[in-house]
Amino acid sequence: MTANVHPYVEARERKGVWRAHRFGVLRRAAQLAFLALFLTGPLLGVWIAKGTLASSLTLNVLPLTDPFILAQSLAARHWPEATALTGAAIVLGAYLLLGGRSFCSWVCPLNPVADFAAFLRRRFDIRQTAKIRPELRNWIAGAAIVVSAISGVVAWELVNPVTAFHRALVFGLWFGLVPALAIFTFDLLVAKHGWCGHLCPVGACYGAIGKASIARVAAPARAACDDCMDCFAVCPEPHVITPALRGERTGASPVILSGDCTLCGACVDVCPEKVFAFTHRFDHRLATAADTSEPTVSRPKARAA
């Protein structure tokens, strides 16, 4: 079976445009909102948030610190100030509740770049992709910690494309767009979801947090799945779907428990059968026959690209 090159078509026909794209729209709104917090200062002179996504202070009261930055600082033997420790604790607590890699899909400014590359891959049916083990990002994260310990500096921040892109947008340092262009090209022509899914150590950090997070996506109506493969086509980490979706055969929970899930909601949007839903890690309920008995338009079990 092969996934549909235009996976949202039937979702729009069956559910309407809004319900077929609502979480995509909400994610873009969230990403713009986070950027707006930083842009009000340089553009309007009203400093709501100062700093970058790596470390910031909101309204001169709320500190926020990326846990990966804190780990590198400690490895580099830089004992952080109390505000940095507080900020890391706040961020850690938030993502333990909301899902670790929700940072990647709802906050990170490079996510639209990666999503656009993925869209073009589907649009032009680009199937060639390099085989890169997802574990590589964990090794890169570990290497950043080791280099920080040896050099005494927060190593990844010297080359972090997320920070560079954020500074380019907020402070007009346009050379910071070069890493974003490189990531776009890499994702489009070399490896599907290559940067976020295989290389980014920040994503590796939030993925580790995500293993214990509360918010989840589940497939409670998996009995209604007709194997169209649309969810696999749009998911940035499609391997996370299989255990929950095929669990009727294996007895696995309908909840997607992998820390790799970005909680982007693309599977919820794209599925015409309404198989997926947002929930929490303790909700293992399956939809009953009555829940899935609304009239639907029959279709083939799979569609070729």
Protein backbone atom coordinates (compact mmCIF):
# COMPACT_ATOMS: atom_id res chain seq x y z
CA MET A 1 0.00 0.00 0.00
CA THR A 2 1.15 3.52 -0.73
CA ALA A 3 0.04 6.76 0.85
CA ASN A 4 -1.98 9.34 -1.03
CA VAL A 5 0.02 12.24 -2.49
CA HIS A 6 -2.90 14.56 -1.64
CA PRO A 7 -4.00 13.14 1.70
CA TYR A 8 -6.29 15.95 2.90
CA VAL A 9 -8.74 15.81 -0.03
CA GLU A 10 -11.13 13.27 1.46
CA ALA A 11 -10.85 14.75 4.94
CA ARG A 12 -12.06 18.08 3.55
CA GLU A 13 -14.90 16.37 1.71
CA ARG A 14 -16.01 14.38 4.73
CA LYS A 15 -15.35 16.75 7.63
CA GLY A 16 -15.17 20.20 6.06
CA VAL A 17 -12.17 22.48 5.55
CA TRP A 18 -11.87 23.64 9.16
CA ARG A 19 -11.93 20.21 10.78
CA ALA A 20 -9.51 18.89 8.17
CA HIS A 21 -6.96 21.62 8.93
CA ARG A 22 -7.80 23.03 12.36
CA PHE A 23 -4.73 21.81 14.24
CA GLY A 24 -2.46 22.88 11.40
CA VAL A 25 -3.99 26.36 11.56
CA LEU A 26 -3.80 26.46 15.36
CA ARG A 27 -0.15 25.43 15.28
CA ARG A 28 0.72 28.25 12.91
CA ALA A 29 -1.18 30.67 15.12
CA ALA A 30 0.72 29.44 18.19
CA GLN A 31 4.09 29.76 16.45
CA LEU A 32 3.25 33.30 15.34
CA ALA A 33 2.04 34.17 18.83
CA PHE A 34 5.31 33.04 20.40
CA LEU A 35 7.27 35.06 17.86
CA ALA A 36 5.03 38.06 18.49
CA LEU A 37 5.99 38.03 22.16
CA PHE A 38 9.58 38.70 21.12
CA LEU A 39 8.83 40.97 18.15
CA THR A 40 6.92 43.62 20.11
CA GLY A 41 10.17 44.85 21.64
CA PRO A 42 12.30 45.57 18.55
CA LEU A 43 9.28 46.59 16.41
CA LEU A 44 7.06 48.48 18.86
CA GLY A 45 9.32 49.20 21.81
CA VAL A 46 7.09 47.13 24.11
CA TRP A 47 9.23 44.36 25.54
CA ILE A 48 6.94 41.49 26.45
CA ALA A 49 9.64 38.83 26.18
CA LYS A 50 13.38 39.41 26.14
CA GLY A 51 15.91 36.88 24.87
CA THR A 52 15.33 33.87 22.64
CA LEU A 53 13.59 30.52 22.87
CA ALA A 54 16.75 29.19 24.49
CA SER A 55 16.45 31.56 27.45
CA SER A 56 14.02 34.41 28.00
CA LEU A 57 12.33 36.64 30.52
CA THR A 58 8.66 37.49 30.00
CA LEU A 59 7.22 40.71 31.46
CA ASN A 60 10.41 40.95 33.54
CA VAL A 61 8.90 38.31 35.80
CA LEU A 62 8.64 34.88 34.16
CA PRO A 63 11.97 33.20 33.33
CA LEU A 64 12.00 30.37 30.79
CA THR A 65 15.07 28.24 30.07
CA ASP A 66 15.47 25.41 27.61
CA PRO A 67 16.40 22.27 29.61
CA PHE A 68 18.99 21.33 26.97
CA ILE A 69 20.67 24.70 27.47
CA LEU A 70 20.72 24.12 31.22
CA ALA A 71 22.27 20.67 30.76
CA GLN A 72 25.05 22.11 28.60
CA SER A 73 25.64 24.95 31.07
CA LEU A 74 26.05 22.50 33.91
CA ALA A 75 28.38 20.34 31.79
CA ALA A 76 30.44 23.44 31.01
CA ARG A 77 30.71 24.08 34.76
CA HIS A 78 28.72 27.32 34.58
CA TRP A 79 26.48 27.28 37.61
CA PRO A 80 23.33 29.03 36.44
CA GLU A 81 21.54 31.76 38.33
CA ALA A 82 18.44 30.91 40.30
CA THR A 83 16.24 32.44 37.59
CA ALA A 84 17.69 30.04 35.00
CA LEU A 85 17.02 27.05 37.27
CA THR A 86 13.49 28.30 37.88
CA GLY A 87 12.98 28.84 34.16
CA ALA A 88 14.15 25.32 33.32
CA ALA A 89 11.86 23.87 35.99
CA ILE A 90 8.89 25.77 34.56
CA VAL A 91 9.62 24.61 31.01
CA LEU A 92 10.20 21.03 32.14
CA GLY A 93 6.93 21.01 34.07
CA ALA A 94 5.00 22.49 31.15
CA TYR A 95 6.24 19.93 28.66
CA LEU A 96 5.79 17.05 31.06
CA LEU A 97 2.15 18.10 31.06
CA LEU A 98 1.69 19.16 27.41
CA GLY A 99 3.97 16.68 25.65
CA GLY A 100 7.72 17.03 25.22
CA ARG A 101 7.90 17.35 21.47
CA SER A 102 4.91 19.63 21.31
CA PHE A 103 7.71 22.22 21.42
CA CYS A 104 8.77 21.00 17.98
CA SER A 105 5.34 21.36 16.36
CA TRP A 106 3.73 24.21 18.31
CA VAL A 107 6.63 26.52 19.27
CA CYS A 108 9.77 25.96 17.18
CA PRO A 109 10.04 28.56 14.37
CA LEU A 110 11.72 26.01 12.10
CA ASN A 111 8.65 23.78 12.10
CA PRO A 112 6.94 25.67 9.24
CA VAL A 113 10.16 25.26 7.21
CA ALA A 114 10.16 21.49 7.78
CA ASP A 115 6.41 21.26 7.14
CA PHE A 116 6.74 23.16 3.86
CA ALA A 117 9.47 20.79 2.69
CA ALA A 118 7.24 17.84 3.61
CA PHE A 119 4.33 19.41 1.72
CA LEU A 120 6.46 19.82 -1.41
CA ARG A 121 7.61 16.23 -1.10
CA ARG A 122 4.00 15.09 -1.18
CA ARG A 123 2.97 17.57 -3.84
CA PHE A 124 5.68 16.49 -6.27
CA ASP A 125 5.77 12.87 -5.09
CA ILE A 126 9.43 12.98 -4.04
CA ARG A 127 10.02 9.53 -2.57
CA GLN A 128 13.80 9.30 -2.47
CA THR A 129 15.09 9.69 1.08
CA ALA A 130 18.38 8.91 2.77
CA LYS A 131 18.32 6.25 5.45
CA ILE A 132 19.32 7.96 8.69
CA ARG A 133 18.75 6.33 12.05
CA PRO A 134 16.59 8.50 14.33
CA GLU A 135 18.95 7.69 17.21
CA LEU A 136 21.55 9.93 15.56
CA ARG A 137 19.96 13.00 17.18
CA ASN A 138 20.53 11.41 20.59
CA TRP A 139 24.21 10.98 19.77
CA ILE A 140 24.41 14.59 18.60
CA ALA A 141 22.80 15.73 21.86
CA GLY A 142 25.30 13.65 23.84
CA ALA A 143 28.18 15.05 21.79
CA ALA A 144 27.00 18.61 22.52
CA ILE A 145 27.09 17.85 26.25
CA VAL A 146 30.59 16.35 25.98
CA VAL A 147 31.91 19.27 23.91
CA SER A 148 30.41 21.70 26.42
CA ALA A 149 32.17 19.87 29.24
CA ILE A 150 35.51 19.93 27.41
CA SER A 151 35.34 23.48 26.06
CA GLY A 152 33.60 25.20 28.94
CA VAL A 153 31.04 26.83 26.63
CA VAL A 154 27.43 26.04 25.78
CA ALA A 155 28.48 24.31 22.57
CA TRP A 156 25.22 23.79 20.71
CA GLU A 157 24.19 27.44 20.99
CA LEU A 158 27.15 28.35 18.80
CA VAL A 159 25.53 26.56 15.87
CA ASN A 160 21.90 26.09 16.91
CA PRO A 161 19.78 26.83 13.79
CA VAL A 162 16.67 27.36 15.93
CA THR A 163 18.33 30.21 17.82
CA ALA A 164 19.87 31.59 14.61
CA PHE A 165 16.50 31.57 12.84
CA HIS A 166 14.79 33.15 15.84
CA ARG A 167 17.37 35.94 15.96
CA ALA A 168 16.99 36.48 12.21
CA LEU A 169 13.25 36.99 12.61
CA VAL A 170 13.36 39.01 15.82
CA PHE A 171 16.52 41.10 15.42
CA GLY A 172 16.88 41.21 11.64
CA LEU A 173 20.13 39.22 11.59
CA TRP A 174 19.30 37.76 8.20
CA PHE A 175 22.39 35.59 7.92
CA GLY A 176 20.60 33.44 10.49
CA LEU A 177 18.29 32.31 7.68
CA VAL A 178 21.11 30.34 6.05
CA PRO A 179 20.74 27.34 8.42
CA ALA A 180 16.97 27.37 7.83
CA LEU A 181 17.53 27.26 4.06
CA ALA A 182 19.98 24.38 4.52
CA ILE A 183 17.42 22.47 6.61
CA PHE A 184 14.72 23.07 4.01
CA THR A 185 16.97 21.78 1.23
CA PHE A 186 18.05 18.78 3.29
CA ASP A 187 14.47 17.84 4.17
CA LEU A 188 13.25 18.33 0.61
CA LEU A 189 15.98 16.58 -1.34
CA VAL A 190 17.92 14.35 1.03
CA ALA A 191 15.83 12.93 3.89
CA LYS A 192 12.12 13.09 4.66
CA HIS A 193 11.68 14.99 7.95
CA GLY A 194 15.46 14.73 8.10
CA TRP A 195 16.36 17.53 10.48
CA CYS A 196 13.61 17.29 13.10
CA GLY A 197 13.25 13.53 12.93
CA HIS A 198 16.89 12.49 12.77
CA LEU A 199 19.37 15.22 13.64
CA CYS A 200 18.06 17.96 15.96
CA PRO A 201 19.42 17.47 19.50
CA VAL A 202 16.86 19.91 20.91
CA GLY A 203 14.18 17.56 19.60
CA ALA A 204 16.03 14.67 21.22
CA CYS A 205 15.87 16.46 24.58
CA TYR A 206 12.15 17.14 24.29
CA GLY A 207 11.62 13.60 23.05
CA ALA A 208 13.13 12.31 26.28
CA ILE A 209 10.73 14.54 28.23
CA GLY A 210 7.89 13.32 26.03
CA LYS A 211 8.32 9.73 27.19
CA ALA A 212 6.79 10.73 30.53
CA SER A 213 4.42 13.50 29.42
CA ILE A 214 0.68 13.51 30.13
CA ALA A 215 -0.89 14.86 26.92
CA ARG A 216 -1.16 12.28 24.15
CA VAL A 217 -2.72 11.47 20.84
CA ALA A 218 -4.65 8.20 20.68
CA ALA A 219 -6.53 6.09 18.15
CA PRO A 220 -9.68 5.27 20.13
CA ALA A 221 -11.69 4.60 16.95
CA ARG A 222 -9.02 2.42 15.36
CA ALA A 223 -11.65 -0.19 14.46
CA ALA A 224 -12.91 2.32 11.87
CA CYS A 225 -9.51 2.54 10.14
CA ASP A 226 -9.71 1.54 6.47
CA ASP A 227 -5.94 1.48 5.83
CA CYS A 228 -5.92 4.55 3.59
CA MET A 229 -2.46 5.46 4.97
CA ASP A 230 -3.19 9.22 5.00
CA CYS A 231 -2.07 9.53 8.62
CA PHE A 232 1.28 7.94 7.78
CA ALA A 233 1.68 10.36 4.85
CA VAL A 234 1.34 13.49 6.98
CA CYS A 235 2.87 12.39 10.31
CA PRO A 236 6.42 13.74 10.85
CA GLU A 237 7.21 10.62 12.91
CA PRO A 238 5.03 7.94 11.25
CA HIS A 239 6.58 5.05 13.16
CA VAL A 240 4.79 6.21 16.33
CA ILE A 241 1.36 5.50 14.82
CA THR A 242 1.62 1.77 14.17
CA PRO A 243 1.45 0.37 17.73
CA ALA A 244 -1.66 2.35 18.63
CA LEU A 245 -3.41 1.98 15.29
CA ARG A 246 -2.73 -1.74 14.80
CA GLY A 247 -3.21 -2.60 18.45
CA GLU A 248 -6.35 -4.61 17.82
CA ARG A 249 -4.08 -7.26 16.39
CA THR A 250 -1.46 -7.06 19.14
CA GLY A 251 -3.45 -5.92 22.18
CA ALA A 252 -1.50 -2.66 22.39
CA SER A 253 -3.03 0.46 23.91
CA PRO A 254 -4.70 2.93 21.52
CA VAL A 255 -2.60 5.69 23.11
CA ILE A 256 0.54 6.78 21.25
CA LEU A 257 3.12 6.48 24.00
CA SER A 258 6.31 7.17 22.04
CA GLY A 259 8.26 10.25 23.07
CA ASP A 260 8.86 10.90 19.37
CA CYS A 261 5.23 12.00 18.83
CA THR A 262 5.12 15.76 18.30
CA LEU A 263 1.38 16.10 19.10
CA CYS A 264 1.00 18.10 15.90
CA GLY A 265 -2.54 16.82 15.37
CA ALA A 266 -1.96 16.10 11.68
CA CYS A 267 -3.34 12.58 12.05
CA VAL A 268 -6.44 13.98 13.78
CA ASP A 269 -6.96 16.48 10.96
CA VAL A 270 -6.36 14.18 8.01
CA CYS A 271 -8.38 11.13 9.04
CA PRO A 272 -11.87 11.10 7.47
CA GLU A 273 -12.88 8.23 9.76
CA LYS A 274 -12.10 10.27 12.90
CA VAL A 275 -9.85 7.52 14.24
CA PHE A 276 -7.53 9.83 16.22
CA ALA A 277 -8.12 12.24 19.10
CA PHE A 278 -6.18 14.20 21.70
CA THR A 279 -6.32 12.69 25.18
CA HIS A 280 -4.00 11.79 28.08
CA ARG A 281 -1.64 8.90 28.68
CA PHE A 282 -4.02 7.14 31.08
CA ASP A 283 -6.99 7.08 28.69
CA HIS A 284 -6.95 3.63 27.09
CA ARG A 285 -10.62 3.55 26.17
CA LEU A 286 -11.70 2.35 22.75
CA ALA A 287 -14.68 3.77 20.89
CA THR A 288 -17.75 1.53 20.93
CA ALA A 289 -19.72 0.52 17.86
CA ALA A 290 -22.28 3.21 18.72
CA ASP A 291 -19.54 5.83 18.77
CA THR A 292 -18.44 4.99 15.24
CA SER A 293 -21.81 4.16 13.72
CA GLU A 294 -22.49 7.50 11.97
CA PRO A 295 -23.06 7.14 8.22
CA THR A 296 -19.89 7.34 6.15
CA VAL A 297 -19.06 7.21 2.48
CA SER A 298 -17.50 3.87 1.63
CA ARG A 299 -14.17 3.87 -0.14
CA PRO A 300 -11.45 1.42 -1.19
CA LYS A 301 -9.22 -0.07 1.47
CA ALA A 302 -6.18 1.72 0.09
CA ARG A 303 -5.35 4.30 -2.54
CA ALA A 304 -2.30 4.30 -4.72
CA ALA A 305 -0.33 7.49 -5.11
